[in-house]
Amino acid sequence: MKNIIVSKIKNLFLEIPLAKNLARQTFISEFTLGVIKSRNVQFKEVGLHFTTDSKVESTERRIQAFFKDFDFDYQQVAILLVMFLPNGKLSLSIDRTEWDFGTYQCNILMVVARHDGVGVPIFWDLLDNKSGNSNTQNRKELISKIILLIGVDRISVIVGDREFIGHEWFKYLKDNNIPFCMRMPKSHLITLRNTNIYSVTELLSTQTERYYQDCMIDGVWCNVMLKKLPDGDFLILAGSFPAKQLGGFYRRRWSIEVFFQTAKGRGFNLENTHLKSSEKIKKLLVFVSIAVGICINVGKHHHKKVQKIKTKKHGYKSNSFFRKGLDILREGFRNTNKGFMKIWEEFLIIFTRWIQIQLSHYQYLTKIIG
């Protein structure tokens, strides 16, 4: 059964040309499966799970050579990652995060799509600006790639934190008809429809929460929600939705934080890598992102078609779809008891159908992208 699971996942990579030759395609599937099996990204740990008779040292050198010499087509990577997302409109979150890998600090700008509470990355870039903020051009480049891939009509909202502000950025979103919801720093001034200009503290001097339609912030007309938080801080949201809806949209931003947690300690321990090259870490994120997408969908399909995940008294599931999928796959790779194998036999039918559906979707996207 273990060989069947491996074969099904490998077939997915053989159908999608992330690499042109068979050896590279096989490596990509082996490394992705190794990440899932080991819950790790260190080359030595991942290499232990390659299906090869070669010594560990030889496999590790093979991995190092791949990360040194191979270049991904990130448009093709994005097409594959979109396959893991539900049909219909997508909620996007944009964020920049800094990860410390020993003496090397990695500055990543990423856009993820929300899928059952977890963010699945679509595009990302590593900024070479000494841990500084992203600029509007960085953001526009990522969003323009996403528009090319899925179209504007499929974007239900793009959400960002206080870094993602400014006249040029807001104007770009409005000019391209991209719905947005961004958190603003409390230092920003707000121009109301009567042309009076106020600070946030002035507007909240007598109330803890206020909503304004058609006001100007960062030189762009939008709607604004203001709220004083219990710790004394302020939540200021600006966007294209009715002001009273902005809080609900902003909560979707949490999906990107969940992805970061999933990529690190709760999933694949990305911070354990010894890589100190931006380009190599960008490549490593391909494997982690694909692994997350596979695990979410395995967990989701298992929940729907095989066995529902239990819901606790507080209303939340005992396991996320990602964690359930990860546990199922790792258990399947160990090839254990008969009861589990029966569940797997039922699940593999569903999983095979899912791969066929996704491949049809991939072929459709490829024709669009050209």
Protein backbone atom coordinates (compact mmCIF):
# COMPACT_ATOMS: atom_id res chain seq x y z
CA MET A 1 0.00 0.00 0.00
CA LYS A 2 2.87 2.34 0.78
CA ASN A 3 4.13 1.93 -2.79
CA ILE A 4 0.67 2.75 -4.15
CA ILE A 5 0.55 6.00 -2.15
CA VAL A 6 4.00 7.01 -3.38
CA SER A 7 3.09 6.07 -6.95
CA LYS A 8 -0.09 8.17 -6.94
CA ILE A 9 1.71 11.28 -5.72
CA LYS A 10 4.62 10.75 -8.12
CA ASN A 11 2.16 10.55 -11.02
CA LEU A 12 0.95 14.03 -10.14
CA PHE A 13 4.46 15.43 -10.63
CA LEU A 14 5.03 13.48 -13.81
CA GLU A 15 1.98 15.17 -15.36
CA ILE A 16 3.07 18.70 -14.41
CA PRO A 17 6.36 19.84 -15.96
CA LEU A 18 8.08 21.56 -13.05
CA ALA A 19 11.13 19.98 -14.70
CA LYS A 20 11.64 18.86 -18.28
CA ASN A 21 13.46 15.57 -17.81
CA LEU A 22 12.31 12.48 -15.95
CA ALA A 23 15.21 12.45 -13.49
CA ARG A 24 14.38 15.96 -12.27
CA GLN A 25 10.67 15.17 -12.11
CA THR A 26 11.41 12.10 -10.03
CA PHE A 27 13.68 14.11 -7.73
CA ILE A 28 10.96 16.74 -7.12
CA SER A 29 8.44 14.06 -6.13
CA GLU A 30 11.01 12.23 -3.97
CA PHE A 31 12.02 15.39 -2.12
CA THR A 32 8.41 16.48 -1.55
CA LEU A 33 7.52 13.05 -0.18
CA GLY A 34 10.68 13.14 1.93
CA VAL A 35 9.58 16.44 3.48
CA ILE A 36 6.19 14.93 4.38
CA LYS A 37 7.65 11.68 5.71
CA SER A 38 10.34 13.33 7.84
CA ARG A 39 8.45 16.53 8.78
CA ASN A 40 11.76 18.23 8.14
CA VAL A 41 13.62 20.18 5.45
CA GLN A 42 17.21 19.36 6.39
CA PHE A 43 18.76 17.62 3.41
CA LYS A 44 20.15 14.72 5.42
CA GLU A 45 16.77 14.01 7.07
CA VAL A 46 14.83 14.29 3.80
CA GLY A 47 17.40 12.13 1.97
CA LEU A 48 16.82 9.25 4.39
CA HIS A 49 13.37 8.83 2.82
CA PHE A 50 14.46 8.67 -0.82
CA THR A 51 13.72 5.33 -2.49
CA THR A 52 17.30 4.60 -3.50
CA ASP A 53 20.06 2.16 -2.76
CA SER A 54 22.61 4.96 -2.65
CA LYS A 55 24.38 5.88 0.56
CA VAL A 56 23.04 8.79 2.60
CA GLU A 57 26.06 10.93 1.71
CA SER A 58 25.49 10.34 -1.99
CA THR A 59 21.80 11.26 -1.75
CA GLU A 60 22.69 14.41 0.16
CA ARG A 61 25.14 15.45 -2.55
CA ARG A 62 22.42 14.86 -5.14
CA ILE A 63 20.09 17.15 -3.20
CA GLN A 64 22.75 19.83 -2.89
CA ALA A 65 23.42 19.67 -6.63
CA PHE A 66 19.72 20.14 -7.38
CA PHE A 67 19.44 23.24 -5.20
CA LYS A 68 22.61 24.66 -6.74
CA ASP A 69 21.90 24.02 -10.42
CA PHE A 70 18.14 23.74 -10.97
CA ASP A 71 15.90 26.75 -11.58
CA PHE A 72 12.15 26.48 -11.11
CA ASP A 73 9.69 28.12 -13.44
CA TYR A 74 7.66 29.82 -10.69
CA GLN A 75 4.72 30.40 -13.01
CA GLN A 76 4.46 26.62 -13.41
CA VAL A 77 4.86 26.21 -9.65
CA ALA A 78 1.98 28.65 -9.11
CA ILE A 79 -0.22 26.71 -11.55
CA LEU A 80 0.41 23.55 -9.53
CA LEU A 81 -0.33 25.31 -6.23
CA VAL A 82 -3.59 26.77 -7.56
CA MET A 83 -4.68 23.17 -8.20
CA PHE A 84 -4.79 22.65 -4.44
CA LEU A 85 -7.25 25.52 -3.96
CA PRO A 86 -11.06 25.36 -4.03
CA ASN A 87 -12.95 26.52 -7.10
CA GLY A 88 -14.49 29.97 -7.12
CA LYS A 89 -13.32 33.22 -5.59
CA LEU A 90 -10.19 33.31 -3.43
CA SER A 91 -9.27 35.42 -0.41
CA LEU A 92 -5.63 36.51 -0.71
CA SER A 93 -3.33 37.67 2.08
CA ILE A 94 -0.09 39.52 1.50
CA ASP A 95 2.59 39.66 4.15
CA ARG A 96 6.30 40.01 4.69
CA THR A 97 8.10 37.97 7.31
CA GLU A 98 11.67 37.65 8.53
CA TRP A 99 13.10 34.29 9.48
CA ASP A 100 16.44 33.86 11.16
CA PHE A 101 18.51 30.93 9.93
CA GLY A 102 21.49 31.16 12.24
CA THR A 103 23.54 34.16 11.09
CA TYR A 104 21.48 34.49 7.90
CA GLN A 105 18.26 36.51 7.97
CA CYS A 106 15.65 35.80 5.32
CA ASN A 107 13.18 38.51 4.27
CA ILE A 108 10.20 36.99 2.44
CA LEU A 109 7.30 38.73 0.68
CA MET A 110 4.45 36.27 0.05
CA VAL A 111 0.88 36.07 -1.20
CA VAL A 112 -1.23 33.14 -0.03
CA ALA A 113 -4.78 32.05 -0.84
CA ARG A 114 -7.02 31.03 2.04
CA HIS A 115 -8.08 27.37 2.05
CA ASP A 116 -10.05 26.14 5.07
CA GLY A 117 -8.22 28.46 7.44
CA VAL A 118 -4.71 27.75 6.11
CA GLY A 119 -2.91 29.86 3.54
CA VAL A 120 -1.57 28.08 0.44
CA PRO A 121 1.19 30.19 -1.16
CA ILE A 122 0.81 31.21 -4.78
CA PHE A 123 3.79 33.51 -5.33
CA TRP A 124 6.62 34.71 -3.10
CA ASP A 125 9.90 36.55 -3.42
CA LEU A 126 12.91 37.06 -1.18
CA LEU A 127 13.79 40.72 -0.68
CA ASP A 128 17.40 41.76 -0.76
CA ASN A 129 16.97 44.96 1.24
CA LYS A 130 18.55 44.25 4.64
CA SER A 131 15.24 43.31 6.30
CA GLY A 132 13.49 46.48 5.13
CA ASN A 133 9.81 46.75 4.22
CA SER A 134 8.53 45.78 0.80
CA ASN A 135 7.85 48.58 -1.65
CA THR A 136 4.91 49.10 -3.98
CA GLN A 137 6.79 47.72 -6.97
CA ASN A 138 7.54 44.45 -5.12
CA ARG A 139 3.84 44.05 -4.33
CA LYS A 140 2.62 45.00 -7.79
CA GLU A 141 4.90 42.43 -9.41
CA LEU A 142 3.45 39.62 -7.28
CA ILE A 143 -0.16 40.70 -7.76
CA SER A 144 0.26 41.12 -11.53
CA LYS A 145 1.46 37.50 -11.74
CA ILE A 146 -1.59 36.36 -9.79
CA ILE A 147 -3.92 38.35 -12.07
CA LEU A 148 -2.32 36.67 -15.09
CA LEU A 149 -2.84 33.27 -13.48
CA ILE A 150 -6.37 33.43 -12.05
CA GLY A 151 -7.81 36.74 -13.27
CA VAL A 152 -9.13 39.68 -11.24
CA ASP A 153 -12.67 38.27 -11.08
CA ARG A 154 -11.51 35.35 -8.94
CA ILE A 155 -10.04 37.61 -6.23
CA SER A 156 -12.65 38.21 -3.54
CA VAL A 157 -10.30 40.32 -1.39
CA ILE A 158 -6.63 40.98 -0.69
CA VAL A 159 -5.82 41.60 2.96
CA GLY A 160 -2.68 43.09 4.45
CA ASP A 161 -1.23 44.50 7.65
CA ARG A 162 0.18 47.95 8.44
CA GLU A 163 3.13 47.65 6.08
CA PHE A 164 0.88 47.51 3.02
CA ILE A 165 -0.24 51.09 2.76
CA GLY A 166 0.44 54.17 0.65
CA HIS A 167 -1.20 56.16 -2.12
CA GLU A 168 0.45 54.32 -5.02
CA TRP A 169 -0.43 50.87 -3.61
CA PHE A 170 -4.06 51.75 -2.87
CA LYS A 171 -4.45 53.41 -6.27
CA TYR A 172 -3.05 50.32 -7.99
CA LEU A 173 -5.62 48.10 -6.25
CA LYS A 174 -8.51 50.44 -7.07
CA ASP A 175 -7.42 50.96 -10.69
CA ASN A 176 -7.33 47.17 -11.17
CA ASN A 177 -10.70 46.64 -9.42
CA ILE A 178 -9.12 44.46 -6.74
CA PRO A 179 -11.19 44.48 -3.51
CA PHE A 180 -8.96 45.16 -0.52
CA CYS A 181 -8.82 45.51 3.26
CA MET A 182 -5.64 46.90 4.85
CA ARG A 183 -4.76 47.78 8.41
CA MET A 184 -3.46 51.32 8.87
CA PRO A 185 -1.03 52.78 11.43
CA LYS A 186 -2.69 55.02 14.02
CA SER A 187 -0.62 57.99 12.84
CA HIS A 188 -2.66 58.30 9.64
CA LEU A 189 -5.07 61.20 9.18
CA ILE A 190 -8.55 60.69 7.80
CA THR A 191 -10.41 63.15 5.57
CA LEU A 192 -14.17 62.85 5.94
CA ARG A 193 -16.74 63.65 3.27
CA ASN A 194 -17.16 67.17 4.68
CA THR A 195 -13.41 67.67 3.92
CA ASN A 196 -12.50 67.97 7.62
CA ILE A 197 -9.31 66.17 8.59
CA TYR A 198 -9.01 64.23 11.85
CA SER A 199 -6.60 61.99 13.67
CA VAL A 200 -7.74 58.57 14.89
CA THR A 201 -7.56 59.66 18.54
CA GLU A 202 -9.82 62.62 17.77
CA LEU A 203 -12.43 60.45 16.05
CA LEU A 204 -12.42 57.96 18.92
CA SER A 205 -12.31 60.51 21.75
CA THR A 206 -15.88 59.74 22.83
CA GLN A 207 -16.48 56.27 21.29
CA THR A 208 -14.56 53.02 21.07
CA GLU A 209 -15.69 52.10 17.55
CA ARG A 210 -16.74 54.11 14.49
CA TYR A 211 -17.42 53.50 10.79
CA TYR A 212 -17.01 55.92 7.91
CA GLN A 213 -18.08 55.58 4.29
CA ASP A 214 -16.39 57.46 1.46
CA CYS A 215 -13.52 59.11 3.27
CA MET A 216 -9.96 59.73 2.14
CA ILE A 217 -6.91 58.01 3.57
CA ASP A 218 -3.47 58.04 1.93
CA GLY A 219 -5.02 60.21 -0.78
CA VAL A 220 -7.46 57.52 -1.91
CA TRP A 221 -11.23 57.35 -1.35
CA CYS A 222 -12.27 54.28 0.58
CA ASN A 223 -14.24 53.14 3.65
CA VAL A 224 -12.77 53.06 7.15
CA MET A 225 -13.39 51.18 10.38
CA LEU A 226 -11.89 52.52 13.63
CA LYS A 227 -11.76 50.59 16.88
CA LYS A 228 -9.99 51.14 20.19
CA LEU A 229 -8.61 47.84 21.50
CA PRO A 230 -8.54 46.78 25.17
CA ASP A 231 -4.73 47.16 25.31
CA GLY A 232 -4.96 50.81 24.24
CA ASP A 233 -3.90 50.17 20.64
CA PHE A 234 -6.11 50.98 17.66
CA LEU A 235 -7.46 48.84 14.84
CA ILE A 236 -7.82 51.02 11.75
CA LEU A 237 -8.98 49.27 8.60
CA ALA A 238 -9.29 50.85 5.17
CA GLY A 239 -10.84 49.11 2.21
CA SER A 240 -13.30 48.89 -0.62
CA PHE A 241 -16.03 47.09 1.33
CA PRO A 242 -18.74 48.67 3.50
CA ALA A 243 -17.04 49.88 6.68
CA LYS A 244 -18.94 47.51 8.98
CA GLN A 245 -17.75 44.50 6.96
CA LEU A 246 -14.04 45.32 7.08
CA GLY A 247 -13.40 43.57 10.40
CA GLY A 248 -14.70 40.27 9.04
CA PHE A 249 -12.49 40.51 5.96
CA TYR A 250 -9.43 41.45 7.99
CA ARG A 251 -9.73 38.26 10.08
CA ARG A 252 -8.97 36.30 6.91
CA ARG A 253 -5.39 37.59 7.14
CA TRP A 254 -4.76 35.02 9.85
CA SER A 255 -4.49 32.32 7.16
CA ILE A 256 -1.02 33.54 6.20
CA GLU A 257 0.11 33.38 9.82
CA VAL A 258 -1.20 29.81 9.97
CA PHE A 259 0.87 28.95 6.89
CA PHE A 260 4.00 30.38 8.48
CA GLN A 261 3.33 28.29 11.60
CA THR A 262 2.65 25.23 9.44
CA ALA A 263 5.86 25.68 7.48
CA LYS A 264 7.82 25.96 10.71
CA GLY A 265 7.25 24.23 14.05
CA ARG A 266 3.75 22.85 13.48
CA GLY A 267 4.64 21.21 10.20
CA PHE A 268 7.96 20.96 8.43
CA ASN A 269 10.43 22.84 10.65
CA LEU A 270 11.56 25.20 7.90
CA GLU A 271 13.77 27.12 10.31
CA ASN A 272 15.92 24.01 10.76
CA THR A 273 17.41 24.47 7.30
CA HIS A 274 21.10 25.26 7.06
CA LEU A 275 20.68 27.13 3.78
CA LYS A 276 22.05 30.67 3.66
CA SER A 277 21.13 31.57 0.11
CA SER A 278 17.97 33.46 -0.83
CA GLU A 279 17.61 31.59 -4.11
CA LYS A 280 17.94 28.20 -2.43
CA ILE A 281 15.43 29.09 0.28
CA LYS A 282 13.05 30.29 -2.43
CA LYS A 283 13.37 26.84 -4.02
CA LEU A 284 12.90 25.09 -0.67
CA LEU A 285 9.62 26.97 -0.23
CA VAL A 286 8.36 25.28 -3.41
CA PHE A 287 8.58 21.87 -1.74
CA VAL A 288 7.12 23.07 1.55
CA SER A 289 4.20 24.80 -0.22
CA ILE A 290 3.40 21.73 -2.31
CA ALA A 291 3.60 19.51 0.78
CA VAL A 292 1.16 21.81 2.62
CA GLY A 293 -1.25 21.76 -0.34
CA ILE A 294 -1.17 17.96 -0.55
CA CYS A 295 -1.72 17.51 3.20
CA ILE A 296 -4.66 19.96 3.34
CA ASN A 297 -6.44 18.19 0.52
CA VAL A 298 -5.77 14.72 1.88
CA GLY A 299 -7.20 15.80 5.25
CA LYS A 300 -10.18 17.52 3.64
CA HIS A 301 -11.10 14.58 1.43
CA HIS A 302 -10.66 12.13 4.30
CA HIS A 303 -12.98 14.27 6.42
CA LYS A 304 -15.64 14.45 3.72
CA LYS A 305 -15.51 10.95 2.29
CA VAL A 306 -13.96 8.58 4.83
CA GLN A 307 -14.20 9.72 8.44
CA LYS A 308 -15.17 13.12 9.83
CA ILE A 309 -12.76 14.93 12.13
CA LYS A 310 -14.29 15.21 15.60
CA THR A 311 -15.51 18.61 16.76
CA LYS A 312 -14.74 19.57 20.36
CA LYS A 313 -17.10 21.33 22.77
CA HIS A 314 -15.68 24.77 21.89
CA GLY A 315 -16.81 24.22 18.29
CA TYR A 316 -13.37 23.77 16.70
CA LYS A 317 -12.15 20.57 15.06
CA SER A 318 -9.76 18.41 17.07
CA ASN A 319 -7.37 18.51 14.09
CA SER A 320 -6.97 20.89 11.18
CA PHE A 321 -7.30 19.47 7.66
CA PHE A 322 -3.54 20.00 7.27
CA ARG A 323 -2.63 18.09 10.42
CA LYS A 324 -5.09 15.31 9.65
CA GLY A 325 -3.73 14.94 6.13
CA LEU A 326 -0.14 14.96 7.36
CA ASP A 327 -0.89 12.26 9.95
CA ILE A 328 -2.78 10.12 7.40
CA LEU A 329 0.03 10.27 4.87
CA ARG A 330 2.78 9.52 7.38
CA GLU A 331 0.74 6.65 8.81
CA GLY A 332 0.16 5.32 5.30
CA PHE A 333 3.86 5.47 4.50
CA ARG A 334 4.54 3.29 7.54
CA ASN A 335 2.13 0.69 6.14
CA THR A 336 0.53 -0.40 9.41
CA ASN A 337 -2.55 -2.32 10.63
CA LYS A 338 -5.37 -3.86 8.59
CA GLY A 339 -8.04 -1.49 9.91
CA PHE A 340 -6.05 1.47 8.72
CA MET A 341 -5.40 -0.19 5.37
CA LYS A 342 -9.15 -0.54 4.80
CA ILE A 343 -9.58 3.20 5.30
CA TRP A 344 -6.70 3.77 2.90
CA GLU A 345 -8.25 1.57 0.22
CA GLU A 346 -11.39 3.73 0.35
CA PHE A 347 -9.40 6.92 0.46
CA LEU A 348 -7.12 6.06 -2.47
CA ILE A 349 -10.14 5.86 -4.77
CA ILE A 350 -11.12 9.40 -3.74
CA PHE A 351 -7.54 10.63 -3.94
CA THR A 352 -7.06 9.20 -7.45
CA ARG A 353 -10.22 10.94 -8.65
CA TRP A 354 -9.02 14.19 -7.08
CA ILE A 355 -5.70 13.99 -8.95
CA GLN A 356 -7.54 13.41 -12.24
CA ILE A 357 -9.76 16.45 -11.62
CA GLN A 358 -6.76 18.61 -10.73
CA LEU A 359 -4.87 17.52 -13.84
CA SER A 360 -7.82 18.56 -15.99
CA HIS A 361 -7.80 21.94 -14.20
CA TYR A 362 -4.04 22.22 -14.76
CA GLN A 363 -4.40 21.57 -18.49
CA TYR A 364 -7.07 24.30 -18.64
CA LEU A 365 -4.80 26.81 -16.84
CA THR A 366 -1.87 25.95 -19.09
CA LYS A 367 -3.93 26.82 -22.17
CA ILE A 368 -4.90 30.18 -20.62
CA ILE A 369 -1.34 31.10 -19.62
CA GLY A 370 -0.04 29.92 -22.98
